[in-house]
Amino acid sequence: MQRGQVTLELIAVIPCLCLLLWGMWEMALSIGDAFLARYAAYAAARLAVVAEPDARVGKAENKARQILSLTVGRRANPLSLAVNCSQEGDDFEVAVSWRRKRIWQGLERISGSSKLPIEE
């Protein structure tokens, strides 16, 4: 065995391992953010369908913003947070979206929506 072979192999493997771990971290954050967007939209829609008709939109927007501001925190710009509520017939739909800065790809738009029937 030659002298320094282990050192050279270590120098070659450590950057690859760091890139692999960083990629796994970024993927986990993206999947978590997508799940969080769907959950915030669902929770807001669930609250809206049982609320009074004239207070549905306000309650849904407040609930979605509350969930996202507590969980997303500094990863998203609060000014880029958009909550859209709409009622079509007997259904109430909530869509949430925001932008998150990624290191290599710039801004990533994260969005989720939920549509539930209104309970009478």
PDB file of N, CA and C in Angstrom:
ATOM      1  N   MET A   1       0.844  -1.175   0.000  1.00  0.00           N
ATOM      2  CA  MET A   1       0.000   0.000   0.000  1.00  0.00           C
ATOM      3  C   MET A   1       0.888   1.236   0.000  1.00  0.00           C
ATOM      4  N   GLN A   2       0.532   2.191  -0.796  1.00  0.00           N
ATOM      5  CA  GLN A   2       1.332   3.405  -0.905  1.00  0.00           C
ATOM      6  C   GLN A   2       0.976   4.375   0.214  1.00  0.00           C
ATOM      7  N   ARG A   3       1.963   5.212   0.567  1.00  0.00           N
ATOM      8  CA  ARG A   3       1.729   6.210   1.615  1.00  0.00           C
ATOM      9  C   ARG A   3       0.789   7.290   1.092  1.00  0.00           C
ATOM     10  N   GLY A   4      -0.160   7.692   1.899  1.00  0.00           N
ATOM     11  CA  GLY A   4      -1.054   8.780   1.553  1.00  0.00           C
ATOM     12  C   GLY A   4      -2.276   8.365   0.753  1.00  0.00           C
ATOM     13  N   GLN A   5      -2.426   7.068   0.467  1.00  0.00           N
ATOM     14  CA  GLN A   5      -3.567   6.629  -0.328  1.00  0.00           C
ATOM     15  C   GLN A   5      -4.881   6.852   0.418  1.00  0.00           C
ATOM     16  N   VAL A   6      -4.895   6.575   1.690  1.00  0.00           N
ATOM     17  CA  VAL A   6      -6.112   6.762   2.489  1.00  0.00           C
ATOM     18  C   VAL A   6      -6.490   8.239   2.538  1.00  0.00           C
ATOM     19  N   THR A   7      -5.512   9.109   2.660  1.00  0.00           N
ATOM     20  CA  THR A   7      -5.773  10.548   2.700  1.00  0.00           C
ATOM     21  C   THR A   7      -6.389  11.026   1.388  1.00  0.00           C
ATOM     22  N   LEU A   8      -5.853  10.575   0.279  1.00  0.00           N
ATOM     23  CA  LEU A   8      -6.398  10.971  -1.022  1.00  0.00           C
ATOM     24  C   LEU A   8      -7.811  10.430  -1.233  1.00  0.00           C
ATOM     25  N   GLU A   9      -8.069   9.208  -0.806  1.00  0.00           N
ATOM     26  CA  GLU A   9      -9.419   8.657  -0.926  1.00  0.00           C
ATOM     27  C   GLU A   9     -10.404   9.437  -0.055  1.00  0.00           C
ATOM     28  N   LEU A  10      -9.949   9.826   1.118  1.00  0.00           N
ATOM     29  CA  LEU A  10     -10.793  10.617   2.011  1.00  0.00           C
ATOM     30  C   LEU A  10     -11.088  11.984   1.413  1.00  0.00           C
ATOM     31  N   ILE A  11     -10.099  12.595   0.798  1.00  0.00           N
ATOM     32  CA  ILE A  11     -10.296  13.895   0.154  1.00  0.00           C
ATOM     33  C   ILE A  11     -11.277  13.776  -1.013  1.00  0.00           C
ATOM     34  N   ALA A  12     -11.293  12.642  -1.683  1.00  0.00           N
ATOM     35  CA  ALA A  12     -12.214  12.449  -2.804  1.00  0.00           C
ATOM     36  C   ALA A  12     -13.632  12.114  -2.335  1.00  0.00           C
ATOM     37  N   VAL A  13     -13.770  11.420  -1.225  1.00  0.00           N
ATOM     38  CA  VAL A  13     -15.080  10.943  -0.775  1.00  0.00           C
ATOM     39  C   VAL A  13     -15.839  12.004   0.024  1.00  0.00           C
ATOM     40  N   ILE A  14     -15.169  12.796   0.836  1.00  0.00           N
ATOM     41  CA  ILE A  14     -15.862  13.756   1.715  1.00  0.00           C
ATOM     42  C   ILE A  14     -16.684  14.781   0.926  1.00  0.00           C
ATOM     43  N   PRO A  15     -16.195  15.404  -0.142  1.00  0.00           N
ATOM     44  CA  PRO A  15     -17.065  16.336  -0.883  1.00  0.00           C
ATOM     45  C   PRO A  15     -18.294  15.657  -1.493  1.00  0.00           C
ATOM     46  N   CYS A  16     -18.111  14.437  -1.987  1.00  0.00           N
ATOM     47  CA  CYS A  16     -19.260  13.716  -2.544  1.00  0.00           C
ATOM     48  C   CYS A  16     -20.292  13.417  -1.464  1.00  0.00           C
ATOM     49  N   LEU A  17     -19.840  13.046  -0.299  1.00  0.00           N
ATOM     50  CA  LEU A  17     -20.746  12.771   0.812  1.00  0.00           C
ATOM     51  C   LEU A  17     -21.467  14.040   1.251  1.00  0.00           C
ATOM     52  N   CYS A  18     -20.754  15.161   1.295  1.00  0.00           N
ATOM     53  CA  CYS A  18     -21.382  16.433   1.670  1.00  0.00           C
ATOM     54  C   CYS A  18     -22.444  16.839   0.656  1.00  0.00           C
ATOM     55  N   LEU A  19     -22.165  16.689  -0.637  1.00  0.00           N
ATOM     56  CA  LEU A  19     -23.161  17.008  -1.665  1.00  0.00           C
ATOM     57  C   LEU A  19     -24.385  16.107  -1.568  1.00  0.00           C
ATOM     58  N   LEU A  20     -24.178  14.850  -1.284  1.00  0.00           N
ATOM     59  CA  LEU A  20     -25.287  13.922  -1.131  1.00  0.00           C
ATOM     60  C   LEU A  20     -26.164  14.311   0.062  1.00  0.00           C
ATOM     61  N   LEU A  21     -25.539  14.620   1.183  1.00  0.00           N
ATOM     62  CA  LEU A  21     -26.301  15.022   2.370  1.00  0.00           C
ATOM     63  C   LEU A  21     -27.037  16.344   2.144  1.00  0.00           C
ATOM     64  N   TRP A  22     -26.392  17.295   1.475  1.00  0.00           N
ATOM     65  CA  TRP A  22     -27.047  18.572   1.186  1.00  0.00           C
ATOM     66  C   TRP A  22     -28.254  18.372   0.272  1.00  0.00           C
ATOM     67  N   GLY A  23     -28.129  17.520  -0.735  1.00  0.00           N
ATOM     68  CA  GLY A  23     -29.245  17.229  -1.630  1.00  0.00           C
ATOM     69  C   GLY A  23     -30.408  16.574  -0.905  1.00  0.00           C
ATOM     70  N   MET A  24     -30.103  15.676   0.007  1.00  0.00           N
ATOM     71  CA  MET A  24     -31.151  15.045   0.800  1.00  0.00           C
ATOM     72  C   MET A  24     -31.853  16.076   1.684  1.00  0.00           C
ATOM     73  N   TRP A  25     -31.092  16.996   2.246  1.00  0.00           N
ATOM     74  CA  TRP A  25     -31.658  18.054   3.094  1.00  0.00           C
ATOM     75  C   TRP A  25     -32.597  18.949   2.280  1.00  0.00           C
ATOM     76  N   GLU A  26     -32.168  19.374   1.093  1.00  0.00           N
ATOM     77  CA  GLU A  26     -33.000  20.228   0.242  1.00  0.00           C
ATOM     78  C   GLU A  26     -34.276  19.502  -0.180  1.00  0.00           C
ATOM     79  N   MET A  27     -34.173  18.225  -0.516  1.00  0.00           N
ATOM     80  CA  MET A  27     -35.351  17.462  -0.904  1.00  0.00           C
ATOM     81  C   MET A  27     -36.320  17.327   0.263  1.00  0.00           C
ATOM     82  N   ALA A  28     -35.802  17.095   1.454  1.00  0.00           N
ATOM     83  CA  ALA A  28     -36.664  16.987   2.634  1.00  0.00           C
ATOM     84  C   ALA A  28     -37.381  18.308   2.906  1.00  0.00           C
ATOM     85  N   LEU A  29     -36.688  19.435   2.749  1.00  0.00           N
ATOM     86  CA  LEU A  29     -37.330  20.731   2.943  1.00  0.00           C
ATOM     87  C   LEU A  29     -38.423  20.971   1.902  1.00  0.00           C
ATOM     88  N   SER A  30     -38.174  20.608   0.662  1.00  0.00           N
ATOM     89  CA  SER A  30     -39.178  20.798  -0.395  1.00  0.00           C
ATOM     90  C   SER A  30     -40.411  19.936  -0.150  1.00  0.00           C
ATOM     91  N   ILE A  31     -40.211  18.688   0.211  1.00  0.00           N
ATOM     92  CA  ILE A  31     -41.339  17.801   0.481  1.00  0.00           C
ATOM     93  C   ILE A  31     -42.108  18.275   1.710  1.00  0.00           C
ATOM     94  N   GLY A  32     -41.390  18.700   2.740  1.00  0.00           N
ATOM     95  CA  GLY A  32     -42.045  19.211   3.944  1.00  0.00           C
ATOM     96  C   GLY A  32     -42.843  20.470   3.680  1.00  0.00           C
ATOM     97  N   ASP A  33     -42.303  21.371   2.870  1.00  0.00           N
ATOM     98  CA  ASP A  33     -43.022  22.599   2.538  1.00  0.00           C
ATOM     99  C   ASP A  33     -44.273  22.309   1.722  1.00  0.00           C
ATOM    100  N   ALA A  34     -44.194  21.365   0.796  1.00  0.00           N
ATOM    101  CA  ALA A  34     -45.373  21.000  -0.001  1.00  0.00           C
ATOM    102  C   ALA A  34     -46.458  20.390   0.892  1.00  0.00           C
ATOM    103  N   PHE A  35     -46.063  19.538   1.826  1.00  0.00           N
ATOM    104  CA  PHE A  35     -47.019  18.960   2.768  1.00  0.00           C
ATOM    105  C   PHE A  35     -47.641  20.049   3.631  1.00  0.00           C
ATOM    106  N   LEU A  36     -46.830  20.987   4.077  1.00  0.00           N
ATOM    107  CA  LEU A  36     -47.316  22.067   4.920  1.00  0.00           C
ATOM    108  C   LEU A  36     -48.308  22.959   4.174  1.00  0.00           C
ATOM    109  N   ALA A  37     -48.067  23.217   2.902  1.00  0.00           N
ATOM    110  CA  ALA A  37     -48.992  24.027   2.106  1.00  0.00           C
ATOM    111  C   ALA A  37     -50.341  23.326   1.977  1.00  0.00           C
ATOM    112  N   ARG A  38     -50.319  22.028   1.718  1.00  0.00           N
ATOM    113  CA  ARG A  38     -51.579  21.286   1.620  1.00  0.00           C
ATOM    114  C   ARG A  38     -52.309  21.260   2.961  1.00  0.00           C
ATOM    115  N   TYR A  39     -51.567  21.096   4.047  1.00  0.00           N
ATOM    116  CA  TYR A  39     -52.201  21.052   5.365  1.00  0.00           C
ATOM    117  C   TYR A  39     -52.812  22.402   5.745  1.00  0.00           C
ATOM    118  N   ALA A  40     -52.105  23.494   5.488  1.00  0.00           N
ATOM    119  CA  ALA A  40     -52.632  24.819   5.809  1.00  0.00           C
ATOM    120  C   ALA A  40     -53.904  25.097   5.012  1.00  0.00           C
ATOM    121  N   ALA A  41     -53.919  24.715   3.748  1.00  0.00           N
ATOM    122  CA  ALA A  41     -55.120  24.909   2.924  1.00  0.00           C
ATOM    123  C   ALA A  41     -56.266  24.046   3.445  1.00  0.00           C
ATOM    124  N   TYR A  42     -55.983  22.809   3.832  1.00  0.00           N
ATOM    125  CA  TYR A  42     -57.019  21.926   4.340  1.00  0.00           C
ATOM    126  C   TYR A  42     -57.589  22.440   5.660  1.00  0.00           C
ATOM    127  N   ALA A  43     -56.714  22.853   6.578  1.00  0.00           N
ATOM    128  CA  ALA A  43     -57.183  23.342   7.874  1.00  0.00           C
ATOM    129  C   ALA A  43     -58.023  24.607   7.718  1.00  0.00           C
ATOM    130  N   ALA A  44     -57.623  25.486   6.812  1.00  0.00           N
ATOM    131  CA  ALA A  44     -58.384  26.712   6.583  1.00  0.00           C
ATOM    132  C   ALA A  44     -59.742  26.388   5.952  1.00  0.00           C
ATOM    133  N   ALA A  45     -59.765  25.474   4.995  1.00  0.00           N
ATOM    134  CA  ALA A  45     -61.031  25.099   4.358  1.00  0.00           C
ATOM    135  C   ALA A  45     -61.942  24.393   5.355  1.00  0.00           C
ATOM    136  N   ARG A  46     -61.384  23.562   6.198  1.00  0.00           N
ATOM    137  CA  ARG A  46     -62.179  22.852   7.207  1.00  0.00           C
ATOM    138  C   ARG A  46     -62.828  23.828   8.173  1.00  0.00           C
ATOM    139  N   LEU A  47     -62.090  24.873   8.572  1.00  0.00           N
ATOM    140  CA  LEU A  47     -62.648  25.889   9.458  1.00  0.00           C
ATOM    141  C   LEU A  47     -63.720  26.703   8.737  1.00  0.00           C
ATOM    142  N   ALA A  48     -63.514  26.984   7.468  1.00  0.00           N
ATOM    143  CA  ALA A  48     -64.448  27.829   6.717  1.00  0.00           C
ATOM    144  C   ALA A  48     -65.784  27.135   6.457  1.00  0.00           C
ATOM    145  N   VAL A  49     -65.781  25.835   6.220  1.00  0.00           N
ATOM    146  CA  VAL A  49     -67.032  25.173   5.851  1.00  0.00           C
ATOM    147  C   VAL A  49     -68.006  25.067   7.021  1.00  0.00           C
ATOM    148  N   VAL A  50     -67.534  25.192   8.245  1.00  0.00           N
ATOM    149  CA  VAL A  50     -68.436  25.142   9.395  1.00  0.00           C
ATOM    150  C   VAL A  50     -68.703  26.526   9.979  1.00  0.00           C
ATOM    151  N   ALA A  51     -68.089  27.561   9.416  1.00  0.00           N
ATOM    152  CA  ALA A  51     -68.251  28.929   9.919  1.00  0.00           C
ATOM    153  C   ALA A  51     -69.509  29.567   9.334  1.00  0.00           C
ATOM    154  N   GLU A  52     -69.869  30.703   9.884  1.00  0.00           N
ATOM    155  CA  GLU A  52     -70.994  31.481   9.361  1.00  0.00           C
ATOM    156  C   GLU A  52     -70.680  31.918   7.930  1.00  0.00           C
ATOM    157  N   PRO A  53     -71.682  32.015   7.069  1.00  0.00           N
ATOM    158  CA  PRO A  53     -71.431  32.346   5.657  1.00  0.00           C
ATOM    159  C   PRO A  53     -70.700  33.661   5.431  1.00  0.00           C
ATOM    160  N   ASP A  54     -70.993  34.682   6.227  1.00  0.00           N
ATOM    161  CA  ASP A  54     -70.347  35.973   5.982  1.00  0.00           C
ATOM    162  C   ASP A  54     -68.952  36.064   6.586  1.00  0.00           C
ATOM    163  N   ALA A  55     -68.553  35.105   7.411  1.00  0.00           N
ATOM    164  CA  ALA A  55     -67.233  35.140   8.046  1.00  0.00           C
ATOM    165  C   ALA A  55     -66.290  34.071   7.511  1.00  0.00           C
ATOM    166  N   ARG A  56     -66.694  33.329   6.492  1.00  0.00           N
ATOM    167  CA  ARG A  56     -65.892  32.204   5.998  1.00  0.00           C
ATOM    168  C   ARG A  56     -64.533  32.631   5.457  1.00  0.00           C
ATOM    169  N   VAL A  57     -64.543  33.607   4.596  1.00  0.00           N
ATOM    170  CA  VAL A  57     -63.299  34.012   3.928  1.00  0.00           C
ATOM    171  C   VAL A  57     -62.291  34.549   4.937  1.00  0.00           C
ATOM    172  N   GLY A  58     -62.733  35.406   5.830  1.00  0.00           N
ATOM    173  CA  GLY A  58     -61.829  35.989   6.830  1.00  0.00           C
ATOM    174  C   GLY A  58     -61.239  34.949   7.757  1.00  0.00           C
ATOM    175  N   LYS A  59     -62.062  34.023   8.228  1.00  0.00           N
ATOM    176  CA  LYS A  59     -61.571  32.975   9.126  1.00  0.00           C
ATOM    177  C   LYS A  59     -60.593  32.048   8.407  1.00  0.00           C
ATOM    178  N   ALA A  60     -60.903  31.717   7.157  1.00  0.00           N
ATOM    179  CA  ALA A  60     -60.017  30.827   6.400  1.00  0.00           C
ATOM    180  C   ALA A  60     -58.660  31.485   6.159  1.00  0.00           C
ATOM    181  N   GLU A  61     -58.662  32.749   5.761  1.00  0.00           N
ATOM    182  CA  GLU A  61     -57.391  33.447   5.531  1.00  0.00           C
ATOM    183  C   GLU A  61     -56.569  33.553   6.810  1.00  0.00           C
ATOM    184  N   ASN A  62     -57.223  33.900   7.913  1.00  0.00           N
ATOM    185  CA  ASN A  62     -56.502  34.017   9.185  1.00  0.00           C
ATOM    186  C   ASN A  62     -55.900  32.690   9.620  1.00  0.00           C
ATOM    187  N   LYS A  63     -56.657  31.605   9.470  1.00  0.00           N
ATOM    188  CA  LYS A  63     -56.162  30.285   9.874  1.00  0.00           C
ATOM    189  C   LYS A  63     -54.960  29.862   9.033  1.00  0.00           C
ATOM    190  N   ALA A  64     -55.042  30.048   7.723  1.00  0.00           N
ATOM    191  CA  ALA A  64     -53.920  29.657   6.852  1.00  0.00           C
ATOM    192  C   ALA A  64     -52.685  30.486   7.164  1.00  0.00           C
ATOM    193  N   ARG A  65     -52.844  31.782   7.335  1.00  0.00           N
ATOM    194  CA  ARG A  65     -51.696  32.638   7.666  1.00  0.00           C
ATOM    195  C   ARG A  65     -51.111  32.285   9.029  1.00  0.00           C
ATOM    196  N   GLN A  66     -51.963  31.947   9.987  1.00  0.00           N
ATOM    197  CA  GLN A  66     -51.482  31.579  11.318  1.00  0.00           C
ATOM    198  C   GLN A  66     -50.635  30.308  11.253  1.00  0.00           C
ATOM    199  N   ILE A  67     -51.128  29.295  10.570  1.00  0.00           N
ATOM    200  CA  ILE A  67     -50.377  28.032  10.465  1.00  0.00           C
ATOM    201  C   ILE A  67     -49.050  28.248   9.755  1.00  0.00           C
ATOM    202  N   LEU A  68     -49.079  28.968   8.639  1.00  0.00           N
ATOM    203  CA  LEU A  68     -47.851  29.149   7.874  1.00  0.00           C
ATOM    204  C   LEU A  68     -46.854  30.054   8.569  1.00  0.00           C
ATOM    205  N   SER A  69     -47.311  31.081   9.266  1.00  0.00           N
ATOM    206  CA  SER A  69     -46.361  31.971   9.939  1.00  0.00           C
ATOM    207  C   SER A  69     -45.693  31.273  11.112  1.00  0.00           C
ATOM    208  N   LEU A  70     -46.395  30.353  11.766  1.00  0.00           N
ATOM    209  CA  LEU A  70     -45.797  29.639  12.889  1.00  0.00           C
ATOM    210  C   LEU A  70     -44.846  28.540  12.446  1.00  0.00           C
ATOM    211  N   THR A  71     -45.098  27.936  11.299  1.00  0.00           N
ATOM    212  CA  THR A  71     -44.293  26.785  10.899  1.00  0.00           C
ATOM    213  C   THR A  71     -43.215  27.109   9.881  1.00  0.00           C
ATOM    214  N   VAL A  72     -43.513  27.949   8.922  1.00  0.00           N
ATOM    215  CA  VAL A  72     -42.526  28.256   7.883  1.00  0.00           C
ATOM    216  C   VAL A  72     -41.459  29.192   8.425  1.00  0.00           C
ATOM    217  N   GLY A  73     -41.874  30.174   9.199  1.00  0.00           N
ATOM    218  CA  GLY A  73     -40.923  31.076   9.839  1.00  0.00           C
ATOM    219  C   GLY A  73     -40.093  31.871   8.861  1.00  0.00           C
ATOM    220  N   ARG A  74     -38.780  31.816   9.018  1.00  0.00           N
ATOM    221  CA  ARG A  74     -37.881  32.628   8.212  1.00  0.00           C
ATOM    222  C   ARG A  74     -37.595  32.048   6.841  1.00  0.00           C
ATOM    223  N   ARG A  75     -38.052  30.823   6.552  1.00  0.00           N
ATOM    224  CA  ARG A  75     -37.765  30.222   5.245  1.00  0.00           C
ATOM    225  C   ARG A  75     -38.542  30.880   4.127  1.00  0.00           C
ATOM    226  N   ALA A  76     -39.598  31.611   4.459  1.00  0.00           N
ATOM    227  CA  ALA A  76     -40.410  32.251   3.427  1.00  0.00           C
ATOM    228  C   ALA A  76     -40.596  33.719   3.762  1.00  0.00           C
ATOM    229  N   ASN A  77     -40.680  34.525   2.749  1.00  0.00           N
ATOM    230  CA  ASN A  77     -40.953  35.947   2.915  1.00  0.00           C
ATOM    231  C   ASN A  77     -42.438  36.114   3.202  1.00  0.00           C
ATOM    232  N   PRO A  78     -42.816  36.718   4.342  1.00  0.00           N
ATOM    233  CA  PRO A  78     -44.242  36.852   4.644  1.00  0.00           C
ATOM    234  C   PRO A  78     -44.993  37.704   3.627  1.00  0.00           C
ATOM    235  N   LEU A  79     -44.291  38.573   2.907  1.00  0.00           N
ATOM    236  CA  LEU A  79     -44.952  39.379   1.894  1.00  0.00           C
ATOM    237  C   LEU A  79     -45.306  38.562   0.658  1.00  0.00           C
ATOM    238  N   SER A  80     -44.627  37.426   0.458  1.00  0.00           N
ATOM    239  CA  SER A  80     -44.923  36.600  -0.714  1.00  0.00           C
ATOM    240  C   SER A  80     -46.003  35.562  -0.424  1.00  0.00           C
ATOM    241  N   LEU A  81     -46.507  35.526   0.800  1.00  0.00           N
ATOM    242  CA  LEU A  81     -47.544  34.578   1.180  1.00  0.00           C
ATOM    243  C   LEU A  81     -48.884  35.016   0.601  1.00  0.00           C
ATOM    244  N   ALA A  82     -49.506  34.135  -0.180  1.00  0.00           N
ATOM    245  CA  ALA A  82     -50.800  34.437  -0.793  1.00  0.00           C
ATOM    246  C   ALA A  82     -51.814  33.386  -0.370  1.00  0.00           C
ATOM    247  N   VAL A  83     -52.965  33.852   0.097  1.00  0.00           N
ATOM    248  CA  VAL A  83     -54.066  32.969   0.475  1.00  0.00           C
ATOM    249  C   VAL A  83     -55.282  33.386  -0.338  1.00  0.00           C
ATOM    250  N   ASN A  84     -55.798  32.485  -1.153  1.00  0.00           N
ATOM    251  CA  ASN A  84     -56.967  32.766  -1.991  1.00  0.00           C
ATOM    252  C   ASN A  84     -58.109  31.851  -1.575  1.00  0.00           C
ATOM    253  N   CYS A  85     -59.245  32.444  -1.260  1.00  0.00           N
ATOM    254  CA  CYS A  85     -60.430  31.692  -0.865  1.00  0.00           C
ATOM    255  C   CYS A  85     -61.534  31.943  -1.877  1.00  0.00           C
ATOM    256  N   SER A  86     -62.257  30.885  -2.234  1.00  0.00           N
ATOM    257  CA  SER A  86     -63.368  31.053  -3.165  1.00  0.00           C
ATOM    258  C   SER A  86     -64.457  30.046  -2.844  1.00  0.00           C
ATOM    259  N   GLN A  87     -65.686  30.471  -3.077  1.00  0.00           N
ATOM    260  CA  GLN A  87     -66.831  29.599  -2.855  1.00  0.00           C
ATOM    261  C   GLN A  87     -67.553  29.412  -4.177  1.00  0.00           C
ATOM    262  N   GLU A  88     -67.692  28.155  -4.579  1.00  0.00           N
ATOM    263  CA  GLU A  88     -68.382  27.821  -5.826  1.00  0.00           C
ATOM    264  C   GLU A  88     -69.509  26.852  -5.492  1.00  0.00           C
ATOM    265  N   GLY A  89     -70.706  27.353  -5.504  1.00  0.00           N
ATOM    266  CA  GLY A  89     -71.852  26.507  -5.192  1.00  0.00           C
ATOM    267  C   GLY A  89     -71.789  26.020  -3.756  1.00  0.00           C
ATOM    268  N   ASP A  90     -71.722  24.703  -3.590  1.00  0.00           N
ATOM    269  CA  ASP A  90     -71.667  24.110  -2.255  1.00  0.00           C
ATOM    270  C   ASP A  90     -70.250  23.741  -1.832  1.00  0.00           C
ATOM    271  N   ASP A  91     -69.241  24.213  -2.552  1.00  0.00           N
ATOM    272  CA  ASP A  91     -67.846  23.910  -2.235  1.00  0.00           C
ATOM    273  C   ASP A  91     -67.101  25.173  -1.850  1.00  0.00           C
ATOM    274  N   PHE A  92     -66.152  25.015  -0.941  1.00  0.00           N
ATOM    275  CA  PHE A  92     -65.287  26.125  -0.534  1.00  0.00           C
ATOM    276  C   PHE A  92     -63.850  25.697  -0.776  1.00  0.00           C
ATOM    277  N   GLU A  93     -63.105  26.523  -1.494  1.00  0.00           N
ATOM    278  CA  GLU A  93     -61.725  26.180  -1.856  1.00  0.00           C
ATOM    279  C   GLU A  93     -60.754  27.209  -1.290  1.00  0.00           C
ATOM    280  N   VAL A  94     -59.659  26.714  -0.747  1.00  0.00           N
ATOM    281  CA  VAL A  94     -58.584  27.568  -0.236  1.00  0.00           C
ATOM    282  C   VAL A  94     -57.291  27.162  -0.934  1.00  0.00           C
ATOM    283  N   ALA A  95     -56.580  28.143  -1.465  1.00  0.00           N
ATOM    284  CA  ALA A  95     -55.281  27.910  -2.102  1.00  0.00           C
ATOM    285  C   ALA A  95     -54.247  28.805  -1.434  1.00  0.00           C
ATOM    286  N   VAL A  96     -53.132  28.229  -1.033  1.00  0.00           N
ATOM    287  CA  VAL A  96     -52.049  28.995  -0.417  1.00  0.00           C
ATOM    288  C   VAL A  96     -50.787  28.824  -1.254  1.00  0.00           C
ATOM    289  N   SER A  97     -49.952  29.856  -1.264  1.00  0.00           N
ATOM    290  CA  SER A  97     -48.666  29.763  -1.958  1.00  0.00           C
ATOM    291  C   SER A  97     -47.712  30.789  -1.382  1.00  0.00           C
ATOM    292  N   TRP A  98     -46.439  30.501  -1.501  1.00  0.00           N
ATOM    293  CA  TRP A  98     -45.380  31.420  -1.103  1.00  0.00           C
ATOM    294  C   TRP A  98     -44.128  31.055  -1.866  1.00  0.00           C
ATOM    295  N   ARG A  99     -43.133  31.891  -1.752  1.00  0.00           N
ATOM    296  CA  ARG A  99     -41.855  31.656  -2.433  1.00  0.00           C
ATOM    297  C   ARG A  99     -40.767  31.404  -1.400  1.00  0.00           C
ATOM    298  N   ARG A 100     -39.916  30.433  -1.730  1.00  0.00           N
ATOM    299  CA  ARG A 100     -38.784  30.102  -0.863  1.00  0.00           C
ATOM    300  C   ARG A 100     -37.519  30.186  -1.690  1.00  0.00           C
ATOM    301  N   LYS A 101     -36.502  30.794  -1.128  1.00  0.00           N
ATOM    302  CA  LYS A 101     -35.238  30.935  -1.839  1.00  0.00           C
ATOM    303  C   LYS A 101     -34.423  29.660  -1.683  1.00  0.00           C
ATOM    304  N   ARG A 102     -34.008  29.129  -2.833  1.00  0.00           N
ATOM    305  CA  ARG A 102     -33.129  27.972  -2.838  1.00  0.00           C
ATOM    306  C   ARG A 102     -31.742  28.426  -3.249  1.00  0.00           C
ATOM    307  N   ILE A 103     -30.747  27.737  -2.800  1.00  0.00           N
ATOM    308  CA  ILE A 103     -29.373  28.188  -3.011  1.00  0.00           C
ATOM    309  C   ILE A 103     -29.002  28.192  -4.489  1.00  0.00           C
ATOM    310  N   TRP A 104     -29.251  27.112  -5.209  1.00  0.00           N
ATOM    311  CA  TRP A 104     -28.790  27.023  -6.593  1.00  0.00           C
ATOM    312  C   TRP A 104     -29.854  27.368  -7.614  1.00  0.00           C
ATOM    313  N   GLN A 105     -31.117  27.220  -7.275  1.00  0.00           N
ATOM    314  CA  GLN A 105     -32.165  27.375  -8.270  1.00  0.00           C
ATOM    315  C   GLN A 105     -32.954  28.670  -8.126  1.00  0.00           C
ATOM    316  N   GLY A 106     -32.590  29.548  -7.246  1.00  0.00           N
ATOM    317  CA  GLY A 106     -33.325  30.796  -7.074  1.00  0.00           C
ATOM    318  C   GLY A 106     -34.594  30.589  -6.281  1.00  0.00           C
ATOM    319  N   LEU A 107     -35.661  31.286  -6.673  1.00  0.00           N
ATOM    320  CA  LEU A 107     -36.923  31.202  -5.952  1.00  0.00           C
ATOM    321  C   LEU A 107     -37.732  29.987  -6.390  1.00  0.00           C
ATOM    322  N   GLU A 108     -38.313  29.314  -5.417  1.00  0.00           N
ATOM    323  CA  GLU A 108     -39.174  28.166  -5.679  1.00  0.00           C
ATOM    324  C   GLU A 108     -40.563  28.518  -5.174  1.00  0.00           C
ATOM    325  N   ARG A 109     -41.584  28.319  -6.006  1.00  0.00           N
ATOM    326  CA  ARG A 109     -42.955  28.594  -5.605  1.00  0.00           C
ATOM    327  C   ARG A 109     -43.545  27.340  -4.997  1.00  0.00           C
ATOM    328  N   ILE A 110     -44.053  27.468  -3.792  1.00  0.00           N
ATOM    329  CA  ILE A 110     -44.656  26.349  -3.090  1.00  0.00           C
ATOM    330  C   ILE A 110     -46.144  26.651  -2.961  1.00  0.00           C
ATOM    331  N   SER A 111     -46.979  25.701  -3.337  1.00  0.00           N
ATOM    332  CA  SER A 111     -48.414  25.953  -3.287  1.00  0.00           C
ATOM    333  C   SER A 111     -49.168  24.682  -2.925  1.00  0.00           C
ATOM    334  N   GLY A 112     -50.358  24.893  -2.401  1.00  0.00           N
ATOM    335  CA  GLY A 112     -51.241  23.797  -2.049  1.00  0.00           C
ATOM    336  C   GLY A 112     -52.666  24.301  -2.007  1.00  0.00           C
ATOM    337  N   SER A 113     -53.614  23.401  -2.225  1.00  0.00           N
ATOM    338  CA  SER A 113     -55.008  23.818  -2.187  1.00  0.00           C
ATOM    339  C   SER A 113     -55.863  22.686  -1.637  1.00  0.00           C
ATOM    340  N   SER A 114     -57.059  23.077  -1.178  1.00  0.00           N
ATOM    341  CA  SER A 114     -58.007  22.112  -0.651  1.00  0.00           C
ATOM    342  C   SER A 114     -59.414  22.602  -0.963  1.00  0.00           C
ATOM    343  N   LYS A 115     -60.265  21.671  -1.319  1.00  0.00           N
ATOM    344  CA  LYS A 115     -61.661  21.990  -1.653  1.00  0.00           C
ATOM    345  C   LYS A 115     -62.565  21.054  -0.864  1.00  0.00           C
ATOM    346  N   LEU A 116     -63.461  21.641  -0.062  1.00  0.00           N
ATOM    347  CA  LEU A 116     -64.346  20.853   0.784  1.00  0.00           C
ATOM    348  C   LEU A 116     -65.796  21.278   0.577  1.00  0.00           C
ATOM    349  N   PRO A 117     -66.759  20.355   0.749  1.00  0.00           N
ATOM    350  CA  PRO A 117     -68.170  20.741   0.646  1.00  0.00           C
ATOM    351  C   PRO A 117     -68.594  21.503   1.901  1.00  0.00           C
ATOM    352  N   ILE A 118     -69.466  22.477   1.709  1.00  0.00           N
ATOM    353  CA  ILE A 118     -69.952  23.282   2.839  1.00  0.00           C
ATOM    354  C   ILE A 118     -71.034  22.524   3.568  1.00  0.00           C
ATOM    355  N   GLU A 119     -70.928  22.501   4.900  1.00  0.00           N
ATOM    356  CA  GLU A 119     -71.930  21.832   5.736  1.00  0.00           C
ATOM    357  C   GLU A 119     -73.037  22.810   6.079  1.00  0.00           C
ATOM    358  N   GLU A 120     -74.238  22.398   5.897  1.00  0.00           N
ATOM    359  CA  GLU A 120     -75.385  23.266   6.193  1.00  0.00           C
ATOM    360  C   GLU A 120     -75.925  22.978   7.569  1.00  0.00           C
TER     361      GLU A 120
END
